[in-house]
Amino acid sequence: MREEFGWQIHRLNATEVFLRRGGDADDAWERLVLEPSANIVARFVCKGNIDPEAAIATPSNAIAIATANN
């Protein structure tokens, strides 16, 4: 599809997530899949108009923000 439509294709490797258990798997998922995916979508949606990092709250960041405001 990259050549046919000129799309930017992104690949994420989640192998490490499936090799881990419990909290380690959750951490790997957030680092290797969730954060990169959210950044890719934000860059696509924002098209450079805003900083995608500032627009995205990952679960750990959302918890830190929510607990800091109490």
PDB file of N, CA and C in Angstrom:
ATOM      1  N   MET A   1       0.816  -1.191   0.000  1.00  0.00           N
ATOM      2  CA  MET A   1       0.000   0.000   0.000  1.00  0.00           C
ATOM      3  C   MET A   1       0.861   1.257   0.000  1.00  0.00           C
ATOM      4  N   ARG A   2       2.059   1.112   0.518  1.00  0.00           N
ATOM      5  CA  ARG A   2       2.954   2.270   0.556  1.00  0.00           C
ATOM      6  C   ARG A   2       3.195   2.804  -0.853  1.00  0.00           C
ATOM      7  N   GLU A   3       3.525   1.910  -1.786  1.00  0.00           N
ATOM      8  CA  GLU A   3       3.785   2.346  -3.155  1.00  0.00           C
ATOM      9  C   GLU A   3       2.494   2.704  -3.883  1.00  0.00           C
ATOM     10  N   GLU A   4       1.451   1.928  -3.665  1.00  0.00           N
ATOM     11  CA  GLU A   4       0.197   2.130  -4.394  1.00  0.00           C
ATOM     12  C   GLU A   4      -0.485   3.447  -4.037  1.00  0.00           C
ATOM     13  N   PHE A   5      -0.566   3.761  -2.744  1.00  0.00           N
ATOM     14  CA  PHE A   5      -1.284   4.950  -2.302  1.00  0.00           C
ATOM     15  C   PHE A   5      -0.371   6.057  -1.770  1.00  0.00           C
ATOM     16  N   GLY A   6       0.914   5.768  -1.610  1.00  0.00           N
ATOM     17  CA  GLY A   6       1.839   6.756  -1.062  1.00  0.00           C
ATOM     18  C   GLY A   6       1.671   6.962   0.437  1.00  0.00           C
ATOM     19  N   TRP A   7       1.134   5.951   1.112  1.00  0.00           N
ATOM     20  CA  TRP A   7       0.891   6.061   2.549  1.00  0.00           C
ATOM     21  C   TRP A   7       2.184   5.852   3.331  1.00  0.00           C
ATOM     22  N   GLN A   8       2.255   6.501   4.489  1.00  0.00           N
ATOM     23  CA  GLN A   8       3.325   6.217   5.441  1.00  0.00           C
ATOM     24  C   GLN A   8       2.856   5.032   6.271  1.00  0.00           C
ATOM     25  N   ILE A   9       3.553   3.932   6.182  1.00  0.00           N
ATOM     26  CA  ILE A   9       3.192   2.731   6.933  1.00  0.00           C
ATOM     27  C   ILE A   9       4.142   2.613   8.122  1.00  0.00           C
ATOM     28  N   HIS A  10       3.577   2.428   9.305  1.00  0.00           N
ATOM     29  CA  HIS A  10       4.362   2.278  10.528  1.00  0.00           C
ATOM     30  C   HIS A  10       4.228   0.843  11.019  1.00  0.00           C
ATOM     31  N   ARG A  11       5.311   0.292  11.525  1.00  0.00           N
ATOM     32  CA  ARG A  11       5.292  -1.063  12.079  1.00  0.00           C
ATOM     33  C   ARG A  11       5.635  -0.999  13.557  1.00  0.00           C
ATOM     34  N   LEU A  12       4.881  -1.752  14.327  1.00  0.00           N
ATOM     35  CA  LEU A  12       5.142  -1.864  15.759  1.00  0.00           C
ATOM     36  C   LEU A  12       5.407  -3.330  16.064  1.00  0.00           C
ATOM     37  N   ASN A  13       6.424  -3.598  16.862  1.00  0.00           N
ATOM     38  CA  ASN A  13       6.767  -4.964  17.224  1.00  0.00           C
ATOM     39  C   ASN A  13       6.374  -5.195  18.677  1.00  0.00           C
ATOM     40  N   ALA A  14       5.355  -6.026  18.897  1.00  0.00           N
ATOM     41  CA  ALA A  14       4.855  -6.301  20.244  1.00  0.00           C
ATOM     42  C   ALA A  14       5.367  -7.624  20.801  1.00  0.00           C
ATOM     43  N   THR A  15       6.370  -8.208  20.182  1.00  0.00           N
ATOM     44  CA  THR A  15       6.886  -9.509  20.617  1.00  0.00           C
ATOM     45  C   THR A  15       7.255  -9.503  22.094  1.00  0.00           C
ATOM     46  N   GLU A  16       7.940  -8.473  22.542  1.00  0.00           N
ATOM     47  CA  GLU A  16       8.383  -8.392  23.938  1.00  0.00           C
ATOM     48  C   GLU A  16       7.199  -8.443  24.906  1.00  0.00           C
ATOM     49  N   VAL A  17       6.085  -7.860  24.517  1.00  0.00           N
ATOM     50  CA  VAL A  17       4.888  -7.859  25.369  1.00  0.00           C
ATOM     51  C   VAL A  17       4.433  -9.285  25.636  1.00  0.00           C
ATOM     52  N   PHE A  18       4.414 -10.112  24.595  1.00  0.00           N
ATOM     53  CA  PHE A  18       3.927 -11.480  24.726  1.00  0.00           C
ATOM     54  C   PHE A  18       4.923 -12.398  25.422  1.00  0.00           C
ATOM     55  N   LEU A  19       6.170 -11.975  25.517  1.00  0.00           N
ATOM     56  CA  LEU A  19       7.183 -12.766  26.210  1.00  0.00           C
ATOM     57  C   LEU A  19       7.243 -12.454  27.701  1.00  0.00           C
ATOM     58  N   ARG A  20       6.565 -11.400  28.128  1.00  0.00           N
ATOM     59  CA  ARG A  20       6.581 -10.981  29.533  1.00  0.00           C
ATOM     60  C   ARG A  20       5.275 -11.345  30.217  1.00  0.00           C
ATOM     61  N   ARG A  21       5.240 -11.170  31.538  1.00  0.00           N
ATOM     62  CA  ARG A  21       4.050 -11.468  32.336  1.00  0.00           C
ATOM     63  C   ARG A  21       3.745 -10.305  33.266  1.00  0.00           C
ATOM     64  N   GLY A  22       2.492 -10.178  33.647  1.00  0.00           N
ATOM     65  CA  GLY A  22       2.070  -9.220  34.667  1.00  0.00           C
ATOM     66  C   GLY A  22       2.410  -7.784  34.345  1.00  0.00           C
ATOM     67  N   GLY A  23       2.907  -7.094  35.375  1.00  0.00           N
ATOM     68  CA  GLY A  23       3.228  -5.680  35.252  1.00  0.00           C
ATOM     69  C   GLY A  23       4.294  -5.396  34.208  1.00  0.00           C
ATOM     70  N   ASP A  24       5.235  -6.328  34.041  1.00  0.00           N
ATOM     71  CA  ASP A  24       6.270  -6.138  33.018  1.00  0.00           C
ATOM     72  C   ASP A  24       5.658  -6.110  31.625  1.00  0.00           C
ATOM     73  N   ALA A  25       4.649  -6.961  31.404  1.00  0.00           N
ATOM     74  CA  ALA A  25       3.957  -6.972  30.111  1.00  0.00           C
ATOM     75  C   ALA A  25       3.197  -5.673  29.906  1.00  0.00           C
ATOM     76  N   ASP A  26       2.563  -5.180  30.967  1.00  0.00           N
ATOM     77  CA  ASP A  26       1.831  -3.907  30.877  1.00  0.00           C
ATOM     78  C   ASP A  26       2.773  -2.762  30.533  1.00  0.00           C
ATOM     79  N   ASP A  27       3.927  -2.737  31.194  1.00  0.00           N
ATOM     80  CA  ASP A  27       4.915  -1.686  30.922  1.00  0.00           C
ATOM     81  C   ASP A  27       5.420  -1.771  29.482  1.00  0.00           C
ATOM     82  N   ALA A  28       5.700  -2.990  29.029  1.00  0.00           N
ATOM     83  CA  ALA A  28       6.175  -3.178  27.653  1.00  0.00           C
ATOM     84  C   ALA A  28       5.098  -2.762  26.653  1.00  0.00           C
ATOM     85  N   TRP A  29       3.837  -3.097  26.940  1.00  0.00           N
ATOM     86  CA  TRP A  29       2.731  -2.714  26.055  1.00  0.00           C
ATOM     87  C   TRP A  29       2.656  -1.188  25.925  1.00  0.00           C
ATOM     88  N   GLU A  30       2.740  -0.511  27.053  1.00  0.00           N
ATOM     89  CA  GLU A  30       2.646   0.946  27.033  1.00  0.00           C
ATOM     90  C   GLU A  30       3.810   1.557  26.250  1.00  0.00           C
ATOM     91  N   ARG A  31       5.009   1.043  26.489  1.00  0.00           N
ATOM     92  CA  ARG A  31       6.215   1.609  25.875  1.00  0.00           C
ATOM     93  C   ARG A  31       6.336   1.264  24.389  1.00  0.00           C
ATOM     94  N   LEU A  32       6.009   0.022  24.019  1.00  0.00           N
ATOM     95  CA  LEU A  32       6.257  -0.444  22.654  1.00  0.00           C
ATOM     96  C   LEU A  32       5.062  -0.332  21.715  1.00  0.00           C
ATOM     97  N   VAL A  33       3.849  -0.297  22.269  1.00  0.00           N
ATOM     98  CA  VAL A  33       2.657  -0.298  21.417  1.00  0.00           C
ATOM     99  C   VAL A  33       1.794   0.938  21.637  1.00  0.00           C
ATOM    100  N   LEU A  34       1.373   1.165  22.871  1.00  0.00           N
ATOM    101  CA  LEU A  34       0.432   2.250  23.150  1.00  0.00           C
ATOM    102  C   LEU A  34       0.997   3.628  22.819  1.00  0.00           C
ATOM    103  N   GLU A  35       2.142   3.964  23.385  1.00  0.00           N
ATOM    104  CA  GLU A  35       2.707   5.300  23.166  1.00  0.00           C
ATOM    105  C   GLU A  35       3.047   5.561  21.698  1.00  0.00           C
ATOM    106  N   PRO A  36       3.750   4.625  21.020  1.00  0.00           N
ATOM    107  CA  PRO A  36       4.030   4.882  19.601  1.00  0.00           C
ATOM    108  C   PRO A  36       2.752   4.985  18.764  1.00  0.00           C
ATOM    109  N   SER A  37       1.761   4.144  19.048  1.00  0.00           N
ATOM    110  CA  SER A  37       0.500   4.190  18.296  1.00  0.00           C
ATOM    111  C   SER A  37      -0.213   5.511  18.501  1.00  0.00           C
ATOM    112  N   ALA A  38      -0.283   5.954  19.735  1.00  0.00           N
ATOM    113  CA  ALA A  38      -0.951   7.222  20.037  1.00  0.00           C
ATOM    114  C   ALA A  38      -0.231   8.384  19.364  1.00  0.00           C
ATOM    115  N   ASN A  39       1.091   8.345  19.341  1.00  0.00           N
ATOM    116  CA  ASN A  39       1.858   9.406  18.679  1.00  0.00           C
ATOM    117  C   ASN A  39       1.626   9.413  17.171  1.00  0.00           C
ATOM    118  N   ILE A  40       1.565   8.240  16.570  1.00  0.00           N
ATOM    119  CA  ILE A  40       1.318   8.139  15.131  1.00  0.00           C
ATOM    120  C   ILE A  40      -0.052   8.716  14.795  1.00  0.00           C
ATOM    121  N   VAL A  41      -1.063   8.330  15.557  1.00  0.00           N
ATOM    122  CA  VAL A  41      -2.420   8.838  15.316  1.00  0.00           C
ATOM    123  C   VAL A  41      -2.483  10.343  15.554  1.00  0.00           C
ATOM    124  N   ALA A  42      -1.853  10.812  16.614  1.00  0.00           N
ATOM    125  CA  ALA A  42      -1.879  12.248  16.914  1.00  0.00           C
ATOM    126  C   ALA A  42      -1.216  13.056  15.807  1.00  0.00           C
ATOM    127  N   ARG A  43      -0.080  12.570  15.299  1.00  0.00           N
ATOM    128  CA  ARG A  43       0.581  13.286  14.203  1.00  0.00           C
ATOM    129  C   ARG A  43      -0.308  13.319  12.963  1.00  0.00           C
ATOM    130  N   PHE A  44      -1.018  12.225  12.705  1.00  0.00           N
ATOM    131  CA  PHE A  44      -1.920  12.176  11.559  1.00  0.00           C
ATOM    132  C   PHE A  44      -3.086  13.146  11.743  1.00  0.00           C
ATOM    133  N   VAL A  45      -3.706  13.119  12.912  1.00  0.00           N
ATOM    134  CA  VAL A  45      -4.876  13.960  13.176  1.00  0.00           C
ATOM    135  C   VAL A  45      -4.488  15.434  13.253  1.00  0.00           C
ATOM    136  N   CYS A  46      -3.390  15.725  13.934  1.00  0.00           N
ATOM    137  CA  CYS A  46      -2.984  17.119  14.144  1.00  0.00           C
ATOM    138  C   CYS A  46      -2.291  17.717  12.929  1.00  0.00           C
ATOM    139  N   LYS A  47      -1.713  16.883  12.093  1.00  0.00           N
ATOM    140  CA  LYS A  47      -0.997  17.324  10.893  1.00  0.00           C
ATOM    141  C   LYS A  47      -0.038  18.482  11.178  1.00  0.00           C
ATOM    142  N   GLY A  48       0.650  18.403  12.310  1.00  0.00           N
ATOM    143  CA  GLY A  48       1.665  19.389  12.642  1.00  0.00           C
ATOM    144  C   GLY A  48       1.140  20.665  13.270  1.00  0.00           C
ATOM    145  N   ASN A  49      -0.174  20.760  13.521  1.00  0.00           N
ATOM    146  CA  ASN A  49      -0.732  21.987  14.091  1.00  0.00           C
ATOM    147  C   ASN A  49      -0.441  22.152  15.575  1.00  0.00           C
ATOM    148  N   ILE A  50      -0.324  21.034  16.307  1.00  0.00           N
ATOM    149  CA  ILE A  50      -0.002  21.089  17.728  1.00  0.00           C
ATOM    150  C   ILE A  50       1.015  20.011  18.037  1.00  0.00           C
ATOM    151  N   ASP A  51       1.596  20.094  19.207  1.00  0.00           N
ATOM    152  CA  ASP A  51       2.561  19.095  19.653  1.00  0.00           C
ATOM    153  C   ASP A  51       1.809  17.835  20.051  1.00  0.00           C
ATOM    154  N   PRO A  52       1.975  16.719  19.316  1.00  0.00           N
ATOM    155  CA  PRO A  52       1.232  15.500  19.653  1.00  0.00           C
ATOM    156  C   PRO A  52       1.550  14.967  21.042  1.00  0.00           C
ATOM    157  N   GLU A  53       2.776  15.166  21.510  1.00  0.00           N
ATOM    158  CA  GLU A  53       3.139  14.689  22.849  1.00  0.00           C
ATOM    159  C   GLU A  53       2.285  15.365  23.912  1.00  0.00           C
ATOM    160  N   ALA A  54       2.012  16.645  23.739  1.00  0.00           N
ATOM    161  CA  ALA A  54       1.211  17.385  24.712  1.00  0.00           C
ATOM    162  C   ALA A  54      -0.259  17.009  24.630  1.00  0.00           C
ATOM    163  N   ALA A  55      -0.687  16.482  23.502  1.00  0.00           N
ATOM    164  CA  ALA A  55      -2.102  16.173  23.300  1.00  0.00           C
ATOM    165  C   ALA A  55      -2.474  14.771  23.758  1.00  0.00           C
ATOM    166  N   ILE A  56      -1.491  13.947  24.101  1.00  0.00           N
ATOM    167  CA  ILE A  56      -1.754  12.543  24.423  1.00  0.00           C
ATOM    168  C   ILE A  56      -1.475  12.264  25.887  1.00  0.00           C
ATOM    169  N   ALA A  57      -2.421  11.604  26.531  1.00  0.00           N
ATOM    170  CA  ALA A  57      -2.220  11.158  27.912  1.00  0.00           C
ATOM    171  C   ALA A  57      -2.194   9.640  27.915  1.00  0.00           C
ATOM    172  N   THR A  58      -1.045   9.051  28.196  1.00  0.00           N
ATOM    173  CA  THR A  58      -0.966   7.608  28.345  1.00  0.00           C
ATOM    174  C   THR A  58      -1.550   7.257  29.706  1.00  0.00           C
ATOM    175  N   PRO A  59      -1.914   5.997  29.931  1.00  0.00           N
ATOM    176  CA  PRO A  59      -2.506   5.640  31.225  1.00  0.00           C
ATOM    177  C   PRO A  59      -1.671   6.066  32.423  1.00  0.00           C
ATOM    178  N   SER A  60      -0.360   5.852  32.376  1.00  0.00           N
ATOM    179  CA  SER A  60       0.462   6.235  33.532  1.00  0.00           C
ATOM    180  C   SER A  60       0.509   7.751  33.687  1.00  0.00           C
ATOM    181  N   ASN A  61       0.558   8.474  32.574  1.00  0.00           N
ATOM    182  CA  ASN A  61       0.539   9.935  32.657  1.00  0.00           C
ATOM    183  C   ASN A  61      -0.804  10.439  33.157  1.00  0.00           C
ATOM    184  N   ALA A  62      -1.891   9.831  32.699  1.00  0.00           N
ATOM    185  CA  ALA A  62      -3.227  10.245  33.131  1.00  0.00           C
ATOM    186  C   ALA A  62      -3.392  10.030  34.630  1.00  0.00           C
ATOM    187  N   ILE A  63      -2.876   8.926  35.151  1.00  0.00           N
ATOM    188  CA  ILE A  63      -2.958   8.652  36.587  1.00  0.00           C
ATOM    189  C   ILE A  63      -2.143   9.686  37.355  1.00  0.00           C
ATOM    190  N   ALA A  64      -0.941   9.989  36.875  1.00  0.00           N
ATOM    191  CA  ALA A  64      -0.095  10.982  37.545  1.00  0.00           C
ATOM    192  C   ALA A  64      -0.767  12.347  37.559  1.00  0.00           C
ATOM    193  N   ILE A  65      -1.379  12.728  36.455  1.00  0.00           N
ATOM    194  CA  ILE A  65      -2.071  14.016  36.377  1.00  0.00           C
ATOM    195  C   ILE A  65      -3.272  14.036  37.311  1.00  0.00           C
ATOM    196  N   ALA A  66      -4.056  12.958  37.301  1.00  0.00           N
ATOM    197  CA  ALA A  66      -5.264  12.892  38.127  1.00  0.00           C
ATOM    198  C   ALA A  66      -4.926  12.928  39.612  1.00  0.00           C
ATOM    199  N   THR A  67      -3.878  12.229  40.020  1.00  0.00           N
ATOM    200  CA  THR A  67      -3.541  12.191  41.439  1.00  0.00           C
ATOM    201  C   THR A  67      -2.829  13.461  41.888  1.00  0.00           C
ATOM    202  N   ALA A  68      -2.149  14.139  40.979  1.00  0.00           N
ATOM    203  CA  ALA A  68      -1.455  15.379  41.336  1.00  0.00           C
ATOM    204  C   ALA A  68      -2.430  16.519  41.573  1.00  0.00           C
ATOM    205  N   ASN A  69      -3.589  16.458  40.952  1.00  0.00           N
ATOM    206  CA  ASN A  69      -4.573  17.536  41.076  1.00  0.00           C
ATOM    207  C   ASN A  69      -5.476  17.383  42.294  1.00  0.00           C
ATOM    208  N   ASN A  70      -5.321  16.315  43.043  1.00  0.00           N
ATOM    209  CA  ASN A  70      -6.185  16.099  44.226  1.00  0.00           C
ATOM    210  C   ASN A  70      -5.583  16.677  45.462  1.00  0.00           C
TER     211      ASN A  70
END
